[in-house]
Amino acid sequence: MSATELIINEKHVKIGIIGAGAIGRAFATQAVRAGYEVVLSNRHGPASLAPLVAQLGGRARAGTVAEAAQAEVVFLALPWEQVAPVAASVSSWEGRLVIDPTNPILLPGFRLAELGGRPSSEVVAGLVPGARVVKAFNTLMPAVLAANPREAGGQRVIFYSGNDSAAKATVAGLLQQMGFAGIDLGLLHEGGKLQQFPGGPLPTLNLLKVA
């Protein structure tokens, strides 16, 4: 077990969340419930997050994007058009584990972004050099993601994919602590296509794994 895996399974890790929209809030809710400390950030600054931090409780605090990006694990919960400029604003991504819940949708018009034939998470990986990217948390609606992951005798399924096996093991540990059932889809090139919205077959599927 790597140091990062050990830390995250013992809940000592701080998780930085960049973006406090519906997905960022849903993930923050689950992380805090599981006992993790989170640093929330958005483009409007820490003061704008005071009501959300108060709602989440003592394990959450507001910070700048730079502060959130310093965490060992960074949840990049941004609209697609903001991913590149925000990623470029961070001085270094070296050594970070970046969880990518983004979908390559451009608004207005709900248009698919130009990806050059690649899965969107491979594009994201190119924008955060030195980080290990794991695609996860992008296939469920925010309200479903924020709900109790244990339901009807089963655990809600979260799909994930990535090119770094240790990073995926860390995310698997995080999912387990939160109460989800993680399913590894393999590398970004294959698994990322299955998860991608639009185009992949897995988005919007609300599945439960029964022991």
N, C-alpha and C. Protein backbone atom coordinates (compact mmCIF):
# COMPACT_ATOMS: atom_id res chain seq x y z
N MET A 1 0.84 -1.20 0.00
CA MET A 1 0.00 0.00 0.00
C MET A 1 0.88 1.24 0.00
N SER A 2 0.56 2.19 -0.88
CA SER A 2 1.33 3.43 -0.94
C SER A 2 0.97 4.34 0.21
N ALA A 3 1.83 5.37 0.42
CA ALA A 3 1.56 6.33 1.48
C ALA A 3 0.23 7.02 1.27
N THR A 4 -0.08 7.38 0.02
CA THR A 4 -1.34 8.07 -0.25
C THR A 4 -2.54 7.18 0.06
N GLU A 5 -2.44 5.90 -0.31
CA GLU A 5 -3.53 4.97 -0.02
C GLU A 5 -3.74 4.86 1.48
N LEU A 6 -2.66 4.75 2.25
CA LEU A 6 -2.75 4.61 3.69
C LEU A 6 -3.40 5.84 4.29
N ILE A 7 -2.97 7.02 3.84
CA ILE A 7 -3.53 8.26 4.38
C ILE A 7 -5.02 8.34 4.10
N ILE A 8 -5.42 8.05 2.87
CA ILE A 8 -6.82 8.24 2.54
C ILE A 8 -7.71 7.22 3.24
N ASN A 9 -7.21 6.03 3.47
CA ASN A 9 -8.00 5.04 4.18
C ASN A 9 -8.09 5.36 5.66
N GLU A 10 -7.13 6.10 6.20
CA GLU A 10 -7.19 6.53 7.59
C GLU A 10 -7.86 7.89 7.75
N LYS A 11 -8.33 8.46 6.65
CA LYS A 11 -9.09 9.71 6.66
C LYS A 11 -8.27 10.91 7.09
N HIS A 12 -6.95 10.85 7.00
CA HIS A 12 -6.12 11.99 7.37
C HIS A 12 -5.88 12.95 6.22
N VAL A 13 -6.26 12.56 5.05
CA VAL A 13 -5.99 13.37 3.87
C VAL A 13 -6.95 14.55 3.79
N LYS A 14 -6.47 15.64 3.25
CA LYS A 14 -7.33 16.76 2.92
C LYS A 14 -7.64 16.67 1.42
N ILE A 15 -8.88 16.87 1.08
CA ILE A 15 -9.32 16.81 -0.30
C ILE A 15 -9.66 18.22 -0.76
N GLY A 16 -9.00 18.67 -1.81
CA GLY A 16 -9.30 19.97 -2.38
C GLY A 16 -10.38 19.83 -3.45
N ILE A 17 -11.36 20.69 -3.40
CA ILE A 17 -12.44 20.68 -4.38
C ILE A 17 -12.42 22.01 -5.12
N ILE A 18 -12.19 21.94 -6.41
CA ILE A 18 -12.18 23.15 -7.24
C ILE A 18 -13.48 23.18 -8.02
N GLY A 19 -14.34 24.12 -7.65
CA GLY A 19 -15.66 24.20 -8.24
C GLY A 19 -16.71 23.80 -7.21
N ALA A 20 -17.65 24.69 -6.96
CA ALA A 20 -18.65 24.42 -5.92
C ALA A 20 -20.05 24.43 -6.50
N GLY A 21 -20.18 23.94 -7.74
CA GLY A 21 -21.49 23.74 -8.33
C GLY A 21 -22.13 22.48 -7.78
N ALA A 22 -23.12 21.96 -8.49
CA ALA A 22 -23.90 20.85 -7.97
C ALA A 22 -23.05 19.60 -7.72
N ILE A 23 -22.16 19.26 -8.64
CA ILE A 23 -21.33 18.07 -8.46
C ILE A 23 -20.32 18.28 -7.34
N GLY A 24 -19.69 19.45 -7.30
CA GLY A 24 -18.75 19.73 -6.22
C GLY A 24 -19.40 19.67 -4.86
N ARG A 25 -20.61 20.21 -4.74
CA ARG A 25 -21.32 20.17 -3.46
C ARG A 25 -21.71 18.74 -3.08
N ALA A 26 -22.17 17.96 -4.07
CA ALA A 26 -22.55 16.58 -3.79
C ALA A 26 -21.34 15.77 -3.31
N PHE A 27 -20.21 15.93 -3.99
CA PHE A 27 -19.00 15.21 -3.57
C PHE A 27 -18.55 15.66 -2.20
N ALA A 28 -18.57 16.97 -1.94
CA ALA A 28 -18.18 17.49 -0.63
C ALA A 28 -19.04 16.90 0.47
N THR A 29 -20.33 16.78 0.20
CA THR A 29 -21.26 16.20 1.18
C THR A 29 -20.85 14.79 1.54
N GLN A 30 -20.54 13.97 0.53
CA GLN A 30 -20.15 12.58 0.79
C GLN A 30 -18.79 12.50 1.48
N ALA A 31 -17.86 13.35 1.08
CA ALA A 31 -16.52 13.32 1.69
C ALA A 31 -16.59 13.68 3.16
N VAL A 32 -17.34 14.72 3.50
CA VAL A 32 -17.46 15.13 4.89
C VAL A 32 -18.18 14.06 5.71
N ARG A 33 -19.23 13.50 5.16
CA ARG A 33 -19.93 12.42 5.87
C ARG A 33 -19.00 11.26 6.17
N ALA A 34 -18.05 11.00 5.26
CA ALA A 34 -17.12 9.88 5.43
C ALA A 34 -15.97 10.21 6.37
N GLY A 35 -15.88 11.46 6.82
CA GLY A 35 -14.85 11.83 7.78
C GLY A 35 -13.65 12.54 7.22
N TYR A 36 -13.67 12.90 5.94
CA TYR A 36 -12.54 13.60 5.33
C TYR A 36 -12.67 15.12 5.54
N GLU A 37 -11.52 15.78 5.58
CA GLU A 37 -11.49 17.23 5.59
C GLU A 37 -11.42 17.72 4.14
N VAL A 38 -12.22 18.74 3.84
CA VAL A 38 -12.25 19.25 2.48
C VAL A 38 -11.98 20.74 2.47
N VAL A 39 -11.31 21.19 1.42
CA VAL A 39 -11.10 22.61 1.16
C VAL A 39 -11.85 22.94 -0.12
N LEU A 40 -12.89 23.75 -0.01
CA LEU A 40 -13.71 24.11 -1.16
C LEU A 40 -13.24 25.41 -1.76
N SER A 41 -13.32 25.51 -3.08
CA SER A 41 -12.90 26.74 -3.74
C SER A 41 -13.76 26.97 -4.98
N ASN A 42 -13.85 28.22 -5.38
CA ASN A 42 -14.49 28.56 -6.64
C ASN A 42 -13.90 29.86 -7.15
N ARG A 43 -14.35 30.33 -8.29
CA ARG A 43 -13.79 31.52 -8.90
C ARG A 43 -14.22 32.80 -8.19
N HIS A 44 -15.24 32.71 -7.35
CA HIS A 44 -15.76 33.90 -6.67
C HIS A 44 -15.05 34.19 -5.35
N GLY A 45 -14.25 33.25 -4.87
CA GLY A 45 -13.49 33.48 -3.65
C GLY A 45 -14.11 32.83 -2.43
N PRO A 46 -13.31 32.66 -1.36
CA PRO A 46 -13.76 31.93 -0.16
C PRO A 46 -15.01 32.51 0.50
N ALA A 47 -15.17 33.83 0.50
CA ALA A 47 -16.32 34.42 1.19
C ALA A 47 -17.64 33.94 0.61
N SER A 48 -17.66 33.67 -0.70
CA SER A 48 -18.89 33.24 -1.34
C SER A 48 -19.31 31.84 -0.91
N LEU A 49 -18.40 31.10 -0.30
CA LEU A 49 -18.67 29.72 0.09
C LEU A 49 -19.06 29.58 1.56
N ALA A 50 -19.17 30.68 2.27
CA ALA A 50 -19.46 30.63 3.70
C ALA A 50 -20.76 29.87 4.01
N PRO A 51 -21.86 30.11 3.30
CA PRO A 51 -23.07 29.34 3.61
C PRO A 51 -22.90 27.84 3.40
N LEU A 52 -22.22 27.44 2.32
CA LEU A 52 -22.01 26.02 2.06
C LEU A 52 -21.12 25.39 3.12
N VAL A 53 -20.07 26.08 3.51
CA VAL A 53 -19.18 25.56 4.55
C VAL A 53 -19.93 25.39 5.87
N ALA A 54 -20.77 26.36 6.21
CA ALA A 54 -21.56 26.26 7.43
C ALA A 54 -22.50 25.06 7.37
N GLN A 55 -23.05 24.81 6.22
CA GLN A 55 -23.97 23.68 6.05
C GLN A 55 -23.23 22.35 6.19
N LEU A 56 -22.02 22.28 5.65
CA LEU A 56 -21.26 21.02 5.67
C LEU A 56 -20.68 20.71 7.04
N GLY A 57 -20.36 21.73 7.82
CA GLY A 57 -19.86 21.50 9.17
C GLY A 57 -18.36 21.62 9.29
N GLY A 58 -17.84 21.21 10.43
CA GLY A 58 -16.47 21.50 10.83
C GLY A 58 -15.37 20.90 10.00
N ARG A 59 -15.66 19.88 9.22
CA ARG A 59 -14.61 19.27 8.41
C ARG A 59 -14.41 20.00 7.08
N ALA A 60 -15.21 21.01 6.82
CA ALA A 60 -15.10 21.75 5.57
C ALA A 60 -14.64 23.18 5.84
N ARG A 61 -13.80 23.69 4.95
CA ARG A 61 -13.44 25.10 5.00
C ARG A 61 -13.31 25.62 3.58
N ALA A 62 -13.41 26.93 3.45
CA ALA A 62 -13.27 27.56 2.15
C ALA A 62 -11.83 28.02 1.95
N GLY A 63 -11.39 27.98 0.71
CA GLY A 63 -10.05 28.44 0.38
C GLY A 63 -10.01 28.96 -1.04
N THR A 64 -8.84 29.35 -1.47
CA THR A 64 -8.66 29.76 -2.86
C THR A 64 -8.45 28.53 -3.73
N VAL A 65 -8.52 28.73 -5.03
CA VAL A 65 -8.23 27.62 -5.95
C VAL A 65 -6.82 27.10 -5.72
N ALA A 66 -5.87 28.00 -5.51
CA ALA A 66 -4.48 27.58 -5.28
C ALA A 66 -4.38 26.72 -4.03
N GLU A 67 -5.12 27.08 -2.98
CA GLU A 67 -5.08 26.29 -1.74
C GLU A 67 -5.71 24.92 -1.96
N ALA A 68 -6.83 24.86 -2.65
CA ALA A 68 -7.46 23.56 -2.91
C ALA A 68 -6.55 22.67 -3.75
N ALA A 69 -5.82 23.28 -4.69
CA ALA A 69 -4.95 22.51 -5.58
C ALA A 69 -3.72 21.97 -4.87
N GLN A 70 -3.45 22.43 -3.65
CA GLN A 70 -2.31 21.92 -2.89
C GLN A 70 -2.62 20.62 -2.15
N ALA A 71 -3.88 20.24 -2.10
CA ALA A 71 -4.25 19.01 -1.41
C ALA A 71 -3.71 17.79 -2.14
N GLU A 72 -3.55 16.69 -1.40
CA GLU A 72 -3.06 15.46 -2.03
C GLU A 72 -4.02 14.95 -3.09
N VAL A 73 -5.31 15.11 -2.82
CA VAL A 73 -6.35 14.70 -3.76
C VAL A 73 -7.15 15.93 -4.15
N VAL A 74 -7.31 16.16 -5.45
CA VAL A 74 -8.02 17.34 -5.94
C VAL A 74 -9.19 16.88 -6.80
N PHE A 75 -10.38 17.35 -6.47
CA PHE A 75 -11.61 17.04 -7.20
C PHE A 75 -11.90 18.21 -8.11
N LEU A 76 -11.79 17.99 -9.41
CA LEU A 76 -11.84 19.08 -10.39
C LEU A 76 -13.26 19.20 -10.95
N ALA A 77 -14.14 19.86 -10.19
CA ALA A 77 -15.57 19.90 -10.50
C ALA A 77 -15.92 21.18 -11.25
N LEU A 78 -15.50 21.27 -12.49
CA LEU A 78 -15.64 22.50 -13.26
C LEU A 78 -16.44 22.27 -14.54
N PRO A 79 -17.16 23.30 -15.00
CA PRO A 79 -17.70 23.24 -16.36
C PRO A 79 -16.55 23.09 -17.34
N TRP A 80 -16.80 22.41 -18.46
CA TRP A 80 -15.72 22.07 -19.36
C TRP A 80 -14.91 23.28 -19.81
N GLU A 81 -15.58 24.39 -20.12
CA GLU A 81 -14.87 25.55 -20.65
C GLU A 81 -13.95 26.20 -19.61
N GLN A 82 -14.12 25.86 -18.33
CA GLN A 82 -13.26 26.41 -17.29
C GLN A 82 -12.07 25.53 -16.94
N VAL A 83 -12.08 24.30 -17.40
CA VAL A 83 -11.03 23.36 -16.99
C VAL A 83 -9.65 23.85 -17.42
N ALA A 84 -9.48 24.20 -18.69
CA ALA A 84 -8.15 24.60 -19.17
C ALA A 84 -7.64 25.86 -18.48
N PRO A 85 -8.41 26.96 -18.40
CA PRO A 85 -7.86 28.15 -17.74
C PRO A 85 -7.60 27.96 -16.26
N VAL A 86 -8.44 27.22 -15.57
CA VAL A 86 -8.20 26.99 -14.14
C VAL A 86 -6.97 26.11 -13.95
N ALA A 87 -6.85 25.06 -14.76
CA ALA A 87 -5.68 24.19 -14.65
C ALA A 87 -4.40 24.98 -14.90
N ALA A 88 -4.43 25.88 -15.87
CA ALA A 88 -3.24 26.68 -16.20
C ALA A 88 -2.90 27.68 -15.10
N SER A 89 -3.88 28.04 -14.28
CA SER A 89 -3.63 29.01 -13.21
C SER A 89 -2.91 28.40 -12.01
N VAL A 90 -2.84 27.07 -11.95
CA VAL A 90 -2.17 26.39 -10.84
C VAL A 90 -0.70 26.23 -11.19
N SER A 91 0.17 26.63 -10.28
CA SER A 91 1.60 26.68 -10.59
C SER A 91 2.20 25.30 -10.85
N SER A 92 1.72 24.28 -10.13
CA SER A 92 2.25 22.93 -10.34
C SER A 92 1.22 21.90 -9.93
N TRP A 93 1.07 20.87 -10.76
CA TRP A 93 0.21 19.73 -10.45
C TRP A 93 1.02 18.51 -10.06
N GLU A 94 2.29 18.66 -9.95
CA GLU A 94 3.18 17.53 -9.70
C GLU A 94 2.79 16.79 -8.43
N GLY A 95 2.63 15.48 -8.54
CA GLY A 95 2.36 14.63 -7.39
C GLY A 95 0.91 14.59 -6.94
N ARG A 96 0.03 15.37 -7.57
CA ARG A 96 -1.36 15.38 -7.15
C ARG A 96 -2.12 14.19 -7.76
N LEU A 97 -3.16 13.78 -7.05
CA LEU A 97 -4.12 12.84 -7.60
C LEU A 97 -5.35 13.67 -7.95
N VAL A 98 -5.68 13.76 -9.22
CA VAL A 98 -6.80 14.56 -9.68
C VAL A 98 -7.96 13.64 -10.04
N ILE A 99 -9.08 13.82 -9.35
CA ILE A 99 -10.31 13.12 -9.72
C ILE A 99 -11.06 14.00 -10.70
N ASP A 100 -11.37 13.45 -11.85
CA ASP A 100 -12.00 14.20 -12.94
C ASP A 100 -13.47 13.79 -13.10
N PRO A 101 -14.42 14.62 -12.63
CA PRO A 101 -15.83 14.32 -12.83
C PRO A 101 -16.44 15.13 -13.97
N THR A 102 -15.60 15.73 -14.81
CA THR A 102 -16.12 16.65 -15.83
C THR A 102 -16.72 15.89 -17.01
N ASN A 103 -17.61 16.57 -17.69
CA ASN A 103 -18.16 16.08 -18.96
C ASN A 103 -17.93 17.16 -20.01
N PRO A 104 -17.52 16.78 -21.23
CA PRO A 104 -17.09 17.76 -22.24
C PRO A 104 -18.24 18.42 -22.97
N ILE A 105 -19.05 19.15 -22.22
CA ILE A 105 -20.22 19.82 -22.76
C ILE A 105 -19.99 21.32 -22.78
N LEU A 106 -20.27 21.95 -23.90
CA LEU A 106 -20.16 23.40 -24.02
C LEU A 106 -21.55 24.03 -24.00
N LEU A 107 -21.67 25.08 -23.21
CA LEU A 107 -22.92 25.82 -23.12
C LEU A 107 -22.71 27.24 -23.62
N PRO A 108 -23.75 27.90 -24.14
CA PRO A 108 -25.10 27.34 -24.37
C PRO A 108 -25.12 26.41 -25.57
N GLY A 109 -26.19 25.70 -25.68
CA GLY A 109 -26.38 24.83 -26.83
C GLY A 109 -26.11 23.36 -26.57
N PHE A 110 -25.51 23.03 -25.40
CA PHE A 110 -25.26 21.64 -25.05
C PHE A 110 -24.51 20.92 -26.16
N ARG A 111 -23.37 21.51 -26.54
CA ARG A 111 -22.56 20.98 -27.63
C ARG A 111 -21.38 20.18 -27.10
N LEU A 112 -21.02 19.11 -27.80
CA LEU A 112 -19.85 18.33 -27.43
C LEU A 112 -18.59 19.10 -27.81
N ALA A 113 -17.68 19.22 -26.87
CA ALA A 113 -16.41 19.91 -27.13
C ALA A 113 -15.58 19.12 -28.12
N GLU A 114 -14.71 19.82 -28.81
CA GLU A 114 -13.78 19.17 -29.74
C GLU A 114 -12.67 18.50 -28.93
N LEU A 115 -12.56 17.19 -29.05
CA LEU A 115 -11.62 16.41 -28.25
C LEU A 115 -10.52 15.77 -29.07
N GLY A 116 -10.53 15.97 -30.38
CA GLY A 116 -9.51 15.38 -31.23
C GLY A 116 -9.51 13.87 -31.22
N GLY A 117 -10.69 13.27 -31.02
CA GLY A 117 -10.79 11.82 -31.02
C GLY A 117 -10.40 11.15 -29.72
N ARG A 118 -10.04 11.94 -28.70
CA ARG A 118 -9.62 11.37 -27.42
C ARG A 118 -10.76 11.39 -26.41
N PRO A 119 -10.73 10.49 -25.41
CA PRO A 119 -11.65 10.64 -24.28
C PRO A 119 -11.35 11.94 -23.55
N SER A 120 -12.35 12.53 -22.95
CA SER A 120 -12.16 13.83 -22.31
C SER A 120 -11.13 13.78 -21.19
N SER A 121 -11.04 12.67 -20.48
CA SER A 121 -10.09 12.61 -19.36
C SER A 121 -8.64 12.56 -19.83
N GLU A 122 -8.40 12.08 -21.05
CA GLU A 122 -7.05 12.18 -21.59
C GLU A 122 -6.71 13.64 -21.88
N VAL A 123 -7.70 14.41 -22.30
CA VAL A 123 -7.49 15.84 -22.48
C VAL A 123 -7.19 16.50 -21.14
N VAL A 124 -7.97 16.16 -20.12
CA VAL A 124 -7.75 16.72 -18.79
C VAL A 124 -6.36 16.36 -18.28
N ALA A 125 -5.95 15.12 -18.49
CA ALA A 125 -4.62 14.70 -18.03
C ALA A 125 -3.53 15.55 -18.66
N GLY A 126 -3.72 15.95 -19.91
CA GLY A 126 -2.73 16.81 -20.55
C GLY A 126 -2.70 18.22 -20.00
N LEU A 127 -3.77 18.62 -19.33
CA LEU A 127 -3.86 19.97 -18.77
C LEU A 127 -3.30 20.05 -17.35
N VAL A 128 -3.06 18.89 -16.71
CA VAL A 128 -2.54 18.87 -15.34
C VAL A 128 -1.26 18.04 -15.30
N PRO A 129 -0.21 18.48 -15.98
CA PRO A 129 1.02 17.69 -16.08
C PRO A 129 1.61 17.36 -14.71
N GLY A 130 2.00 16.11 -14.56
CA GLY A 130 2.58 15.66 -13.30
C GLY A 130 1.56 15.07 -12.35
N ALA A 131 0.27 15.24 -12.63
CA ALA A 131 -0.78 14.67 -11.79
C ALA A 131 -1.19 13.30 -12.33
N ARG A 132 -1.75 12.51 -11.45
CA ARG A 132 -2.33 11.22 -11.83
C ARG A 132 -3.84 11.40 -11.86
N VAL A 133 -4.45 11.19 -13.01
CA VAL A 133 -5.87 11.49 -13.21
C VAL A 133 -6.69 10.21 -13.14
N VAL A 134 -7.75 10.28 -12.36
CA VAL A 134 -8.73 9.19 -12.30
C VAL A 134 -10.09 9.76 -12.64
N LYS A 135 -10.72 9.20 -13.65
CA LYS A 135 -12.07 9.60 -14.04
C LYS A 135 -13.08 8.93 -13.12
N ALA A 136 -13.95 9.74 -12.48
CA ALA A 136 -14.95 9.18 -11.56
C ALA A 136 -15.99 10.24 -11.25
N PHE A 137 -17.13 9.80 -10.75
CA PHE A 137 -18.21 10.67 -10.26
C PHE A 137 -18.88 11.50 -11.35
N ASN A 138 -18.75 11.12 -12.60
CA ASN A 138 -19.35 11.92 -13.67
C ASN A 138 -20.62 11.30 -14.25
N THR A 139 -20.99 10.11 -13.83
CA THR A 139 -22.09 9.41 -14.50
C THR A 139 -23.43 9.54 -13.79
N LEU A 140 -23.44 10.11 -12.57
CA LEU A 140 -24.68 10.24 -11.81
C LEU A 140 -25.11 11.69 -11.71
N MET A 141 -26.41 11.91 -11.64
CA MET A 141 -26.93 13.24 -11.40
C MET A 141 -26.54 13.69 -9.99
N PRO A 142 -26.34 14.99 -9.76
CA PRO A 142 -25.88 15.46 -8.45
C PRO A 142 -26.77 15.01 -7.29
N ALA A 143 -28.08 15.05 -7.46
CA ALA A 143 -28.96 14.65 -6.36
C ALA A 143 -28.78 13.19 -5.99
N VAL A 144 -28.53 12.35 -6.98
CA VAL A 144 -28.29 10.93 -6.71
C VAL A 144 -26.94 10.75 -6.04
N LEU A 145 -25.93 11.48 -6.51
CA LEU A 145 -24.60 11.38 -5.93
C LEU A 145 -24.59 11.82 -4.48
N ALA A 146 -25.40 12.80 -4.13
CA ALA A 146 -25.43 13.32 -2.76
C ALA A 146 -26.23 12.44 -1.82
N ALA A 147 -27.06 11.55 -2.35
CA ALA A 147 -27.91 10.71 -1.52
C ALA A 147 -27.12 9.62 -0.82
N ASN A 148 -27.74 8.98 0.16
CA ASN A 148 -27.11 7.88 0.87
C ASN A 148 -26.71 6.80 -0.14
N PRO A 149 -25.43 6.44 -0.19
CA PRO A 149 -25.00 5.43 -1.17
C PRO A 149 -25.44 4.02 -0.83
N ARG A 150 -25.93 3.82 0.37
CA ARG A 150 -26.44 2.50 0.76
C ARG A 150 -27.96 2.52 0.65
N GLU A 151 -28.49 1.67 -0.22
CA GLU A 151 -29.91 1.70 -0.51
C GLU A 151 -30.40 0.30 -0.87
N ALA A 152 -31.55 -0.07 -0.34
CA ALA A 152 -32.21 -1.34 -0.69
C ALA A 152 -31.28 -2.54 -0.53
N GLY A 153 -30.45 -2.51 0.50
CA GLY A 153 -29.55 -3.62 0.76
C GLY A 153 -28.32 -3.66 -0.11
N GLY A 154 -28.09 -2.61 -0.90
CA GLY A 154 -26.91 -2.57 -1.77
C GLY A 154 -26.17 -1.26 -1.64
N GLN A 155 -25.12 -1.12 -2.43
CA GLN A 155 -24.30 0.09 -2.46
C GLN A 155 -24.32 0.67 -3.87
N ARG A 156 -24.49 1.99 -3.93
CA ARG A 156 -24.53 2.66 -5.24
C ARG A 156 -23.18 2.53 -5.94
N VAL A 157 -23.22 2.26 -7.23
CA VAL A 157 -22.01 2.01 -8.02
C VAL A 157 -21.44 3.31 -8.54
N ILE A 158 -20.13 3.47 -8.36
CA ILE A 158 -19.37 4.55 -8.99
C ILE A 158 -18.32 3.92 -9.89
N PHE A 159 -18.33 4.26 -11.16
CA PHE A 159 -17.32 3.76 -12.09
C PHE A 159 -16.09 4.66 -12.03
N TYR A 160 -14.92 4.06 -12.26
CA TYR A 160 -13.70 4.87 -12.32
C TYR A 160 -12.72 4.23 -13.29
N SER A 161 -11.85 5.05 -13.83
CA SER A 161 -10.81 4.57 -14.75
C SER A 161 -9.59 5.48 -14.62
N GLY A 162 -8.44 4.95 -14.98
CA GLY A 162 -7.21 5.73 -14.89
C GLY A 162 -6.02 4.90 -15.34
N ASN A 163 -4.93 5.58 -15.59
CA ASN A 163 -3.71 4.92 -16.09
C ASN A 163 -2.72 4.55 -15.00
N ASP A 164 -2.96 5.02 -13.77
CA ASP A 164 -2.05 4.78 -12.66
C ASP A 164 -2.75 3.86 -11.65
N SER A 165 -2.22 2.67 -11.47
CA SER A 165 -2.90 1.68 -10.62
C SER A 165 -2.94 2.12 -9.16
N ALA A 166 -1.89 2.77 -8.67
CA ALA A 166 -1.90 3.23 -7.28
C ALA A 166 -2.93 4.32 -7.07
N ALA A 167 -3.06 5.22 -8.04
CA ALA A 167 -4.07 6.28 -7.94
C ALA A 167 -5.47 5.67 -7.92
N LYS A 168 -5.70 4.68 -8.76
CA LYS A 168 -7.01 4.03 -8.77
C LYS A 168 -7.27 3.30 -7.45
N ALA A 169 -6.26 2.71 -6.87
CA ALA A 169 -6.44 2.04 -5.58
C ALA A 169 -6.80 3.06 -4.50
N THR A 170 -6.21 4.25 -4.58
CA THR A 170 -6.55 5.30 -3.64
C THR A 170 -8.01 5.71 -3.78
N VAL A 171 -8.45 5.91 -5.01
CA VAL A 171 -9.84 6.27 -5.25
C VAL A 171 -10.78 5.15 -4.81
N ALA A 172 -10.39 3.93 -5.03
CA ALA A 172 -11.20 2.80 -4.57
C ALA A 172 -11.36 2.84 -3.05
N GLY A 173 -10.28 3.18 -2.34
CA GLY A 173 -10.36 3.30 -0.89
C GLY A 173 -11.27 4.43 -0.45
N LEU A 174 -11.20 5.54 -1.16
CA LEU A 174 -12.07 6.67 -0.87
C LEU A 174 -13.54 6.28 -1.07
N LEU A 175 -13.82 5.60 -2.18
CA LEU A 175 -15.19 5.17 -2.45
C LEU A 175 -15.69 4.22 -1.36
N GLN A 176 -14.84 3.32 -0.93
CA GLN A 176 -15.23 2.38 0.11
C GLN A 176 -15.57 3.11 1.40
N GLN A 177 -14.75 4.09 1.77
CA GLN A 177 -15.01 4.85 2.98
C GLN A 177 -16.32 5.62 2.89
N MET A 178 -16.66 6.09 1.70
CA MET A 178 -17.90 6.83 1.51
C MET A 178 -19.13 5.93 1.49
N GLY A 179 -18.91 4.64 1.26
CA GLY A 179 -20.04 3.71 1.20
C GLY A 179 -20.47 3.32 -0.19
N PHE A 180 -19.72 3.75 -1.21
CA PHE A 180 -20.03 3.38 -2.58
C PHE A 180 -19.37 2.05 -2.94
N ALA A 181 -19.85 1.45 -4.03
CA ALA A 181 -19.21 0.28 -4.62
C ALA A 181 -18.48 0.75 -5.87
N GLY A 182 -17.17 0.72 -5.84
CA GLY A 182 -16.38 1.15 -6.99
C GLY A 182 -16.18 0.04 -7.99
N ILE A 183 -16.29 0.38 -9.27
CA ILE A 183 -16.03 -0.59 -10.35
C ILE A 183 -14.97 -0.01 -11.27
N ASP A 184 -13.85 -0.70 -11.38
CA ASP A 184 -12.71 -0.28 -12.18
C ASP A 184 -12.94 -0.63 -13.64
N LEU A 185 -12.91 0.38 -14.50
CA LEU A 185 -13.13 0.18 -15.93
C LEU A 185 -11.84 0.12 -16.74
N GLY A 186 -10.69 0.15 -16.05
CA GLY A 186 -9.44 0.05 -16.78
C GLY A 186 -8.80 1.39 -17.05
N LEU A 187 -8.12 1.51 -18.18
CA LEU A 187 -7.38 2.71 -18.53
C LEU A 187 -8.31 3.83 -19.00
N LEU A 188 -7.78 5.04 -19.00
CA LEU A 188 -8.58 6.19 -19.44
C LEU A 188 -9.07 6.02 -20.87
N HIS A 189 -8.23 5.47 -21.72
CA HIS A 189 -8.59 5.39 -23.13
C HIS A 189 -9.81 4.51 -23.36
N GLU A 190 -9.92 3.42 -22.58
CA GLU A 190 -11.06 2.53 -22.72
C GLU A 190 -12.18 2.92 -21.75
N GLY A 191 -11.85 2.97 -20.46
CA GLY A 191 -12.87 3.26 -19.45
C GLY A 191 -13.44 4.66 -19.58
N GLY A 192 -12.57 5.61 -19.93
CA GLY A 192 -13.05 6.97 -20.07
C GLY A 192 -14.11 7.10 -21.15
N LYS A 193 -14.00 6.33 -22.21
CA LYS A 193 -15.01 6.36 -23.28
C LYS A 193 -16.33 5.78 -22.79
N LEU A 194 -16.27 4.74 -21.97
CA LEU A 194 -17.50 4.15 -21.44
C LEU A 194 -18.21 5.12 -20.50
N GLN A 195 -17.44 5.91 -19.74
CA GLN A 195 -18.02 6.84 -18.78
C GLN A 195 -18.45 8.16 -19.40
N GLN A 196 -17.92 8.48 -20.53
CA GLN A 196 -18.06 9.84 -21.06
C GLN A 196 -19.51 10.18 -21.42
N PHE A 197 -19.86 11.42 -21.08
CA PHE A 197 -21.16 11.95 -21.46
C PHE A 197 -20.96 13.24 -22.24
N PRO A 198 -21.58 13.30 -23.45
CA PRO A 198 -22.40 12.28 -24.09
C PRO A 198 -21.54 11.25 -24.82
N GLY A 199 -22.15 10.15 -25.19
CA GLY A 199 -21.50 9.15 -26.03
C GLY A 199 -21.30 7.81 -25.38
N GLY A 200 -20.95 7.77 -24.10
CA GLY A 200 -20.71 6.51 -23.43
C GLY A 200 -22.01 5.86 -22.96
N PRO A 201 -21.98 4.54 -22.72
CA PRO A 201 -23.20 3.85 -22.32
C PRO A 201 -23.52 3.92 -20.84
N LEU A 202 -22.61 4.43 -19.99
CA LEU A 202 -22.80 4.34 -18.55
C LEU A 202 -23.42 5.56 -17.87
N PRO A 203 -23.26 6.78 -18.41
CA PRO A 203 -23.86 7.93 -17.73
C PRO A 203 -25.36 7.79 -17.53
N THR A 204 -25.82 8.27 -16.37
CA THR A 204 -27.20 8.28 -15.88
C THR A 204 -27.65 6.93 -15.34
N LEU A 205 -26.84 5.87 -15.46
CA LEU A 205 -27.23 4.57 -14.90
C LEU A 205 -27.04 4.61 -13.38
N ASN A 206 -28.11 4.40 -12.64
CA ASN A 206 -28.06 4.38 -11.18
C ASN A 206 -28.15 2.93 -10.74
N LEU A 207 -26.99 2.32 -10.55
CA LEU A 207 -26.91 0.90 -10.27
C LEU A 207 -26.53 0.65 -8.81
N LEU A 208 -27.04 -0.44 -8.26
CA LEU A 208 -26.68 -0.87 -6.91
C LEU A 208 -25.99 -2.22 -6.98
N LYS A 209 -24.92 -2.36 -6.19
CA LYS A 209 -24.23 -3.64 -6.07
C LYS A 209 -24.69 -4.30 -4.78
N VAL A 210 -25.25 -5.47 -4.91
CA VAL A 210 -25.77 -6.20 -3.77
C VAL A 210 -24.79 -7.30 -3.41
N ALA A 211 -24.42 -7.36 -2.14
CA ALA A 211 -23.44 -8.35 -1.70
C ALA A 211 -24.04 -9.77 -1.80
